[in-house]
Amino acid sequence: MKTSSQQGLAKLIALIVVAVLLLSYFGINIQKITESDAGKANFGYVWQLTQQVGAWLANLYQQYLAQYLQPILKYLPF
């Protein structure tokens, strides 16, 4: 029996395959986009935003949520 994380991973892989097929169908070359100066700048900007959001969420958890969630999380089967 598959767990929900395995099913989620299978759905993600299927979504990526479909996305690549759609891009190919419309003649969009991913390699050219990622190697262009604009593509590199855009990916760099998105990565920077992702890091800032991650740091903000980690700070939020550590300062406000950890004291409430730690007692609950110890009972979950991870």
PDB file of N, CA and C in Angstrom:
ATOM      1  N   MET A   1       0.842  -1.176   0.000  1.00  0.00           N
ATOM      2  CA  MET A   1       0.000   0.000   0.000  1.00  0.00           C
ATOM      3  C   MET A   1       0.888   1.240   0.000  1.00  0.00           C
ATOM      4  N   LYS A   2       0.569   2.199  -0.859  1.00  0.00           N
ATOM      5  CA  LYS A   2       1.341   3.427  -0.940  1.00  0.00           C
ATOM      6  C   LYS A   2       0.918   4.390   0.151  1.00  0.00           C
ATOM      7  N   THR A   3       1.900   5.098   0.681  1.00  0.00           N
ATOM      8  CA  THR A   3       1.583   6.132   1.656  1.00  0.00           C
ATOM      9  C   THR A   3       1.239   7.413   0.911  1.00  0.00           C
ATOM     10  N   SER A   4       0.713   8.373   1.617  1.00  0.00           N
ATOM     11  CA  SER A   4       0.322   9.634   0.975  1.00  0.00           C
ATOM     12  C   SER A   4       1.529  10.369   0.416  1.00  0.00           C
ATOM     13  N   SER A   5       2.707  10.252   1.055  1.00  0.00           N
ATOM     14  CA  SER A   5       3.894  10.924   0.530  1.00  0.00           C
ATOM     15  C   SER A   5       4.356  10.279  -0.772  1.00  0.00           C
ATOM     16  N   GLN A   6       4.199   8.958  -0.907  1.00  0.00           N
ATOM     17  CA  GLN A   6       4.560   8.294  -2.155  1.00  0.00           C
ATOM     18  C   GLN A   6       3.591   8.708  -3.263  1.00  0.00           C
ATOM     19  N   GLN A   7       2.322   8.821  -2.940  1.00  0.00           N
ATOM     20  CA  GLN A   7       1.342   9.240  -3.937  1.00  0.00           C
ATOM     21  C   GLN A   7       1.598  10.683  -4.352  1.00  0.00           C
ATOM     22  N   GLY A   8       1.979  11.515  -3.405  1.00  0.00           N
ATOM     23  CA  GLY A   8       2.291  12.909  -3.711  1.00  0.00           C
ATOM     24  C   GLY A   8       3.502  13.022  -4.614  1.00  0.00           C
ATOM     25  N   LEU A   9       4.508  12.190  -4.373  1.00  0.00           N
ATOM     26  CA  LEU A   9       5.703  12.189  -5.202  1.00  0.00           C
ATOM     27  C   LEU A   9       5.369  11.719  -6.609  1.00  0.00           C
ATOM     28  N   ALA A  10       4.541  10.706  -6.740  1.00  0.00           N
ATOM     29  CA  ALA A  10       4.143  10.217  -8.061  1.00  0.00           C
ATOM     30  C   ALA A  10       3.359  11.295  -8.814  1.00  0.00           C
ATOM     31  N   LYS A  11       2.499  12.022  -8.130  1.00  0.00           N
ATOM     32  CA  LYS A  11       1.741  13.103  -8.767  1.00  0.00           C
ATOM     33  C   LYS A  11       2.665  14.226  -9.204  1.00  0.00           C
ATOM     34  N   LEU A  12       3.664  14.540  -8.378  1.00  0.00           N
ATOM     35  CA  LEU A  12       4.613  15.592  -8.728  1.00  0.00           C
ATOM     36  C   LEU A  12       5.410  15.208  -9.970  1.00  0.00           C
ATOM     37  N   ILE A  13       5.871  13.972 -10.031  1.00  0.00           N
ATOM     38  CA  ILE A  13       6.626  13.511 -11.206  1.00  0.00           C
ATOM     39  C   ILE A  13       5.745  13.559 -12.447  1.00  0.00           C
ATOM     40  N   ALA A  14       4.506  13.116 -12.330  1.00  0.00           N
ATOM     41  CA  ALA A  14       3.580  13.154 -13.468  1.00  0.00           C
ATOM     42  C   ALA A  14       3.328  14.595 -13.907  1.00  0.00           C
ATOM     43  N   LEU A  15       3.193  15.511 -12.969  1.00  0.00           N
ATOM     44  CA  LEU A  15       2.974  16.914 -13.290  1.00  0.00           C
ATOM     45  C   LEU A  15       4.172  17.503 -14.024  1.00  0.00           C
ATOM     46  N   ILE A  16       5.370  17.167 -13.585  1.00  0.00           N
ATOM     47  CA  ILE A  16       6.586  17.659 -14.238  1.00  0.00           C
ATOM     48  C   ILE A  16       6.673  17.124 -15.667  1.00  0.00           C
ATOM     49  N   VAL A  17       6.380  15.843 -15.859  1.00  0.00           N
ATOM     50  CA  VAL A  17       6.420  15.249 -17.194  1.00  0.00           C
ATOM     51  C   VAL A  17       5.404  15.935 -18.103  1.00  0.00           C
ATOM     52  N   VAL A  18       4.206  16.153 -17.626  1.00  0.00           N
ATOM     53  CA  VAL A  18       3.172  16.819 -18.425  1.00  0.00           C
ATOM     54  C   VAL A  18       3.593  18.251 -18.758  1.00  0.00           C
ATOM     55  N   ALA A  19       4.169  18.955 -17.791  1.00  0.00           N
ATOM     56  CA  ALA A  19       4.612  20.327 -18.028  1.00  0.00           C
ATOM     57  C   ALA A  19       5.693  20.377 -19.105  1.00  0.00           C
ATOM     58  N   VAL A  20       6.655  19.451 -19.051  1.00  0.00           N
ATOM     59  CA  VAL A  20       7.716  19.411 -20.066  1.00  0.00           C
ATOM     60  C   VAL A  20       7.136  19.084 -21.438  1.00  0.00           C
ATOM     61  N   LEU A  21       6.193  18.171 -21.480  1.00  0.00           N
ATOM     62  CA  LEU A  21       5.553  17.838 -22.759  1.00  0.00           C
ATOM     63  C   LEU A  21       4.786  19.030 -23.328  1.00  0.00           C
ATOM     64  N   LEU A  22       4.079  19.758 -22.476  1.00  0.00           N
ATOM     65  CA  LEU A  22       3.362  20.950 -22.943  1.00  0.00           C
ATOM     66  C   LEU A  22       4.318  22.021 -23.457  1.00  0.00           C
ATOM     67  N   LEU A  23       5.406  22.242 -22.736  1.00  0.00           N
ATOM     68  CA  LEU A  23       6.395  23.220 -23.191  1.00  0.00           C
ATOM     69  C   LEU A  23       6.992  22.800 -24.529  1.00  0.00           C
ATOM     70  N   SER A  24       7.274  21.523 -24.672  1.00  0.00           N
ATOM     71  CA  SER A  24       7.813  21.007 -25.937  1.00  0.00           C
ATOM     72  C   SER A  24       6.803  21.180 -27.063  1.00  0.00           C
ATOM     73  N   TYR A  25       5.547  20.921 -26.788  1.00  0.00           N
ATOM     74  CA  TYR A  25       4.495  21.057 -27.796  1.00  0.00           C
ATOM     75  C   TYR A  25       4.412  22.486 -28.323  1.00  0.00           C
ATOM     76  N   PHE A  26       4.563  23.463 -27.430  1.00  0.00           N
ATOM     77  CA  PHE A  26       4.491  24.859 -27.834  1.00  0.00           C
ATOM     78  C   PHE A  26       5.834  25.401 -28.311  1.00  0.00           C
ATOM     79  N   GLY A  27       6.855  24.562 -28.403  1.00  0.00           N
ATOM     80  CA  GLY A  27       8.149  24.961 -28.940  1.00  0.00           C
ATOM     81  C   GLY A  27       8.985  25.805 -28.001  1.00  0.00           C
ATOM     82  N   ILE A  28       8.764  25.674 -26.714  1.00  0.00           N
ATOM     83  CA  ILE A  28       9.526  26.449 -25.729  1.00  0.00           C
ATOM     84  C   ILE A  28      10.727  25.626 -25.293  1.00  0.00           C
ATOM     85  N   ASN A  29      11.904  26.204 -25.435  1.00  0.00           N
ATOM     86  CA  ASN A  29      13.151  25.521 -25.098  1.00  0.00           C
ATOM     87  C   ASN A  29      13.579  25.945 -23.692  1.00  0.00           C
ATOM     88  N   ILE A  30      13.481  25.036 -22.746  1.00  0.00           N
ATOM     89  CA  ILE A  30      13.815  25.340 -21.350  1.00  0.00           C
ATOM     90  C   ILE A  30      15.294  25.678 -21.205  1.00  0.00           C
ATOM     91  N   GLN A  31      16.139  25.000 -21.933  1.00  0.00           N
ATOM     92  CA  GLN A  31      17.576  25.222 -21.818  1.00  0.00           C
ATOM     93  C   GLN A  31      17.940  26.645 -22.229  1.00  0.00           C
ATOM     94  N   LYS A  32      17.359  27.145 -23.316  1.00  0.00           N
ATOM     95  CA  LYS A  32      17.653  28.514 -23.753  1.00  0.00           C
ATOM     96  C   LYS A  32      17.177  29.534 -22.728  1.00  0.00           C
ATOM     97  N   ILE A  33      16.031  29.257 -22.116  1.00  0.00           N
ATOM     98  CA  ILE A  33      15.497  30.179 -21.110  1.00  0.00           C
ATOM     99  C   ILE A  33      16.425  30.246 -19.902  1.00  0.00           C
ATOM    100  N   THR A  34      16.857  29.081 -19.426  1.00  0.00           N
ATOM    101  CA  THR A  34      17.691  29.065 -18.219  1.00  0.00           C
ATOM    102  C   THR A  34      19.097  29.589 -18.471  1.00  0.00           C
ATOM    103  N   GLU A  35      19.584  29.503 -19.710  1.00  0.00           N
ATOM    104  CA  GLU A  35      20.930  29.975 -20.010  1.00  0.00           C
ATOM    105  C   GLU A  35      20.972  31.450 -20.391  1.00  0.00           C
ATOM    106  N   SER A  36      19.832  32.065 -20.670  1.00  0.00           N
ATOM    107  CA  SER A  36      19.812  33.481 -21.036  1.00  0.00           C
ATOM    108  C   SER A  36      20.069  34.346 -19.800  1.00  0.00           C
ATOM    109  N   ASP A  37      20.527  35.568 -20.043  1.00  0.00           N
ATOM    110  CA  ASP A  37      20.789  36.488 -18.931  1.00  0.00           C
ATOM    111  C   ASP A  37      19.509  36.810 -18.157  1.00  0.00           C
ATOM    112  N   ALA A  38      18.416  37.024 -18.893  1.00  0.00           N
ATOM    113  CA  ALA A  38      17.141  37.323 -18.230  1.00  0.00           C
ATOM    114  C   ALA A  38      16.659  36.126 -17.422  1.00  0.00           C
ATOM    115  N   GLY A  39      16.817  34.921 -17.966  1.00  0.00           N
ATOM    116  CA  GLY A  39      16.407  33.714 -17.250  1.00  0.00           C
ATOM    117  C   GLY A  39      17.202  33.524 -15.967  1.00  0.00           C
ATOM    118  N   LYS A  40      18.516  33.738 -16.053  1.00  0.00           N
ATOM    119  CA  LYS A  40      19.359  33.606 -14.859  1.00  0.00           C
ATOM    120  C   LYS A  40      18.979  34.641 -13.803  1.00  0.00           C
ATOM    121  N   ALA A  41      18.715  35.869 -14.250  1.00  0.00           N
ATOM    122  CA  ALA A  41      18.326  36.920 -13.301  1.00  0.00           C
ATOM    123  C   ALA A  41      16.984  36.585 -12.649  1.00  0.00           C
ATOM    124  N   ASN A  42      16.040  36.092 -13.427  1.00  0.00           N
ATOM    125  CA  ASN A  42      14.725  35.751 -12.878  1.00  0.00           C
ATOM    126  C   ASN A  42      14.808  34.595 -11.894  1.00  0.00           C
ATOM    127  N   PHE A  43      15.557  33.550 -12.249  1.00  0.00           N
ATOM    128  CA  PHE A  43      15.701  32.417 -11.335  1.00  0.00           C
ATOM    129  C   PHE A  43      16.436  32.834 -10.061  1.00  0.00           C
ATOM    130  N   GLY A  44      17.416  33.699 -10.187  1.00  0.00           N
ATOM    131  CA  GLY A  44      18.121  34.210  -9.014  1.00  0.00           C
ATOM    132  C   GLY A  44      17.206  34.994  -8.098  1.00  0.00           C
ATOM    133  N   TYR A  45      16.350  35.811  -8.698  1.00  0.00           N
ATOM    134  CA  TYR A  45      15.399  36.609  -7.914  1.00  0.00           C
ATOM    135  C   TYR A  45      14.394  35.713  -7.195  1.00  0.00           C
ATOM    136  N   VAL A  46      13.858  34.729  -7.907  1.00  0.00           N
ATOM    137  CA  VAL A  46      12.900  33.808  -7.293  1.00  0.00           C
ATOM    138  C   VAL A  46      13.575  33.021  -6.169  1.00  0.00           C
ATOM    139  N   TRP A  47      14.818  32.596  -6.374  1.00  0.00           N
ATOM    140  CA  TRP A  47      15.536  31.856  -5.329  1.00  0.00           C
ATOM    141  C   TRP A  47      15.753  32.727  -4.098  1.00  0.00           C
ATOM    142  N   GLN A  48      16.099  33.998  -4.315  1.00  0.00           N
ATOM    143  CA  GLN A  48      16.290  34.924  -3.203  1.00  0.00           C
ATOM    144  C   GLN A  48      14.986  35.110  -2.425  1.00  0.00           C
ATOM    145  N   LEU A  49      13.878  35.278  -3.120  1.00  0.00           N
ATOM    146  CA  LEU A  49      12.586  35.405  -2.445  1.00  0.00           C
ATOM    147  C   LEU A  49      12.234  34.144  -1.663  1.00  0.00           C
ATOM    148  N   THR A  50      12.519  32.979  -2.252  1.00  0.00           N
ATOM    149  CA  THR A  50      12.249  31.713  -1.580  1.00  0.00           C
ATOM    150  C   THR A  50      13.043  31.608  -0.281  1.00  0.00           C
ATOM    151  N   GLN A  51      14.301  32.017  -0.320  1.00  0.00           N
ATOM    152  CA  GLN A  51      15.123  31.978   0.887  1.00  0.00           C
ATOM    153  C   GLN A  51      14.599  32.938   1.950  1.00  0.00           C
ATOM    154  N   GLN A  52      14.158  34.132   1.533  1.00  0.00           N
ATOM    155  CA  GLN A  52      13.635  35.104   2.492  1.00  0.00           C
ATOM    156  C   GLN A  52      12.344  34.610   3.138  1.00  0.00           C
ATOM    157  N   VAL A  53      11.469  34.026   2.348  1.00  0.00           N
ATOM    158  CA  VAL A  53      10.214  33.490   2.884  1.00  0.00           C
ATOM    159  C   VAL A  53      10.513  32.328   3.833  1.00  0.00           C
ATOM    160  N   GLY A  54      11.455  31.462   3.457  1.00  0.00           N
ATOM    161  CA  GLY A  54      11.833  30.348   4.330  1.00  0.00           C
ATOM    162  C   GLY A  54      12.401  30.827   5.652  1.00  0.00           C
ATOM    163  N   ALA A  55      13.249  31.849   5.600  1.00  0.00           N
ATOM    164  CA  ALA A  55      13.824  32.399   6.830  1.00  0.00           C
ATOM    165  C   ALA A  55      12.734  33.033   7.691  1.00  0.00           C
ATOM    166  N   TRP A  56      11.787  33.723   7.048  1.00  0.00           N
ATOM    167  CA  TRP A  56      10.687  34.342   7.790  1.00  0.00           C
ATOM    168  C   TRP A  56       9.823  33.278   8.469  1.00  0.00           C
ATOM    169  N   LEU A  57       9.512  32.195   7.742  1.00  0.00           N
ATOM    170  CA  LEU A  57       8.706  31.117   8.323  1.00  0.00           C
ATOM    171  C   LEU A  57       9.441  30.424   9.470  1.00  0.00           C
ATOM    172  N   ALA A  58      10.751  30.206   9.304  1.00  0.00           N
ATOM    173  CA  ALA A  58      11.527  29.577  10.375  1.00  0.00           C
ATOM    174  C   ALA A  58      11.543  30.478  11.615  1.00  0.00           C
ATOM    175  N   ASN A  59      11.703  31.768  11.404  1.00  0.00           N
ATOM    176  CA  ASN A  59      11.694  32.715  12.516  1.00  0.00           C
ATOM    177  C   ASN A  59      10.328  32.745  13.197  1.00  0.00           C
ATOM    178  N   LEU A  60       9.268  32.752  12.400  1.00  0.00           N
ATOM    179  CA  LEU A  60       7.907  32.724  12.942  1.00  0.00           C
ATOM    180  C   LEU A  60       7.699  31.484  13.802  1.00  0.00           C
ATOM    181  N   TYR A  61       8.133  30.343  13.298  1.00  0.00           N
ATOM    182  CA  TYR A  61       7.979  29.099  14.053  1.00  0.00           C
ATOM    183  C   TYR A  61       8.771  29.152  15.362  1.00  0.00           C
ATOM    184  N   GLN A  62      10.026  29.570  15.271  1.00  0.00           N
ATOM    185  CA  GLN A  62      10.877  29.565  16.459  1.00  0.00           C
ATOM    186  C   GLN A  62      10.403  30.541  17.524  1.00  0.00           C
ATOM    187  N   GLN A  63       9.943  31.711  17.111  1.00  0.00           N
ATOM    188  CA  GLN A  63       9.563  32.730  18.090  1.00  0.00           C
ATOM    189  C   GLN A  63       8.159  32.557  18.651  1.00  0.00           C
ATOM    190  N   TYR A  64       7.234  32.073  17.831  1.00  0.00           N
ATOM    191  CA  TYR A  64       5.839  32.091  18.262  1.00  0.00           C
ATOM    192  C   TYR A  64       5.162  30.725  18.323  1.00  0.00           C
ATOM    193  N   LEU A  65       5.494  29.843  17.395  1.00  0.00           N
ATOM    194  CA  LEU A  65       4.727  28.606  17.282  1.00  0.00           C
ATOM    195  C   LEU A  65       5.346  27.403  17.985  1.00  0.00           C
ATOM    196  N   ALA A  66       6.652  27.371  18.121  1.00  0.00           N
ATOM    197  CA  ALA A  66       7.328  26.190  18.658  1.00  0.00           C
ATOM    198  C   ALA A  66       6.845  25.834  20.051  1.00  0.00           C
ATOM    199  N   GLN A  67       6.655  26.828  20.889  1.00  0.00           N
ATOM    200  CA  GLN A  67       6.246  26.539  22.271  1.00  0.00           C
ATOM    201  C   GLN A  67       4.861  25.900  22.338  1.00  0.00           C
ATOM    202  N   TYR A  68       4.021  26.144  21.349  1.00  0.00           N
ATOM    203  CA  TYR A  68       2.686  25.551  21.330  1.00  0.00           C
ATOM    204  C   TYR A  68       2.642  24.234  20.570  1.00  0.00           C
ATOM    205  N   LEU A  69       3.466  24.113  19.523  1.00  0.00           N
ATOM    206  CA  LEU A  69       3.401  22.927  18.679  1.00  0.00           C
ATOM    207  C   LEU A  69       4.268  21.767  19.162  1.00  0.00           C
ATOM    208  N   GLN A  70       5.347  22.037  19.862  1.00  0.00           N
ATOM    209  CA  GLN A  70       6.241  20.956  20.314  1.00  0.00           C
ATOM    210  C   GLN A  70       5.518  19.915  21.157  1.00  0.00           C
ATOM    211  N   PRO A  71       4.681  20.300  22.130  1.00  0.00           N
ATOM    212  CA  PRO A  71       3.964  19.266  22.911  1.00  0.00           C
ATOM    213  C   PRO A  71       3.019  18.430  22.053  1.00  0.00           C
ATOM    214  N   ILE A  72       2.457  19.028  21.017  1.00  0.00           N
ATOM    215  CA  ILE A  72       1.521  18.292  20.138  1.00  0.00           C
ATOM    216  C   ILE A  72       2.271  17.377  19.187  1.00  0.00           C
ATOM    217  N   LEU A  73       3.376  17.878  18.646  1.00  0.00           N
ATOM    218  CA  LEU A  73       4.123  17.125  17.622  1.00  0.00           C
ATOM    219  C   LEU A  73       4.743  15.833  18.164  1.00  0.00           C
ATOM    220  N   LYS A  74       5.019  15.778  19.445  1.00  0.00           N
ATOM    221  CA  LYS A  74       5.638  14.558  19.982  1.00  0.00           C
ATOM    222  C   LYS A  74       4.699  13.367  19.957  1.00  0.00           C
ATOM    223  N   TYR A  75       3.404  13.612  19.803  1.00  0.00           N
ATOM    224  CA  TYR A  75       2.432  12.517  19.729  1.00  0.00           C
ATOM    225  C   TYR A  75       2.144  12.058  18.311  1.00  0.00           C
ATOM    226  N   LEU A  76       2.653  12.752  17.309  1.00  0.00           N
ATOM    227  CA  LEU A  76       2.413  12.367  15.920  1.00  0.00           C
ATOM    228  C   LEU A  76       3.428  11.318  15.468  1.00  0.00           C
ATOM    229  N   PRO A  77       3.001  10.353  14.679  1.00  0.00           N
ATOM    230  CA  PRO A  77       3.901   9.269  14.261  1.00  0.00           C
ATOM    231  C   PRO A  77       4.759   9.645  13.052  1.00  0.00           C
ATOM    232  N   PHE A  78       5.853  10.344  13.264  1.00  0.00           N
ATOM    233  CA  PHE A  78       6.771  10.696  12.171  1.00  0.00           C
ATOM    234  C   PHE A  78       7.889   9.710  12.117  1.00  0.00           C
TER     235      PHE A  78
END
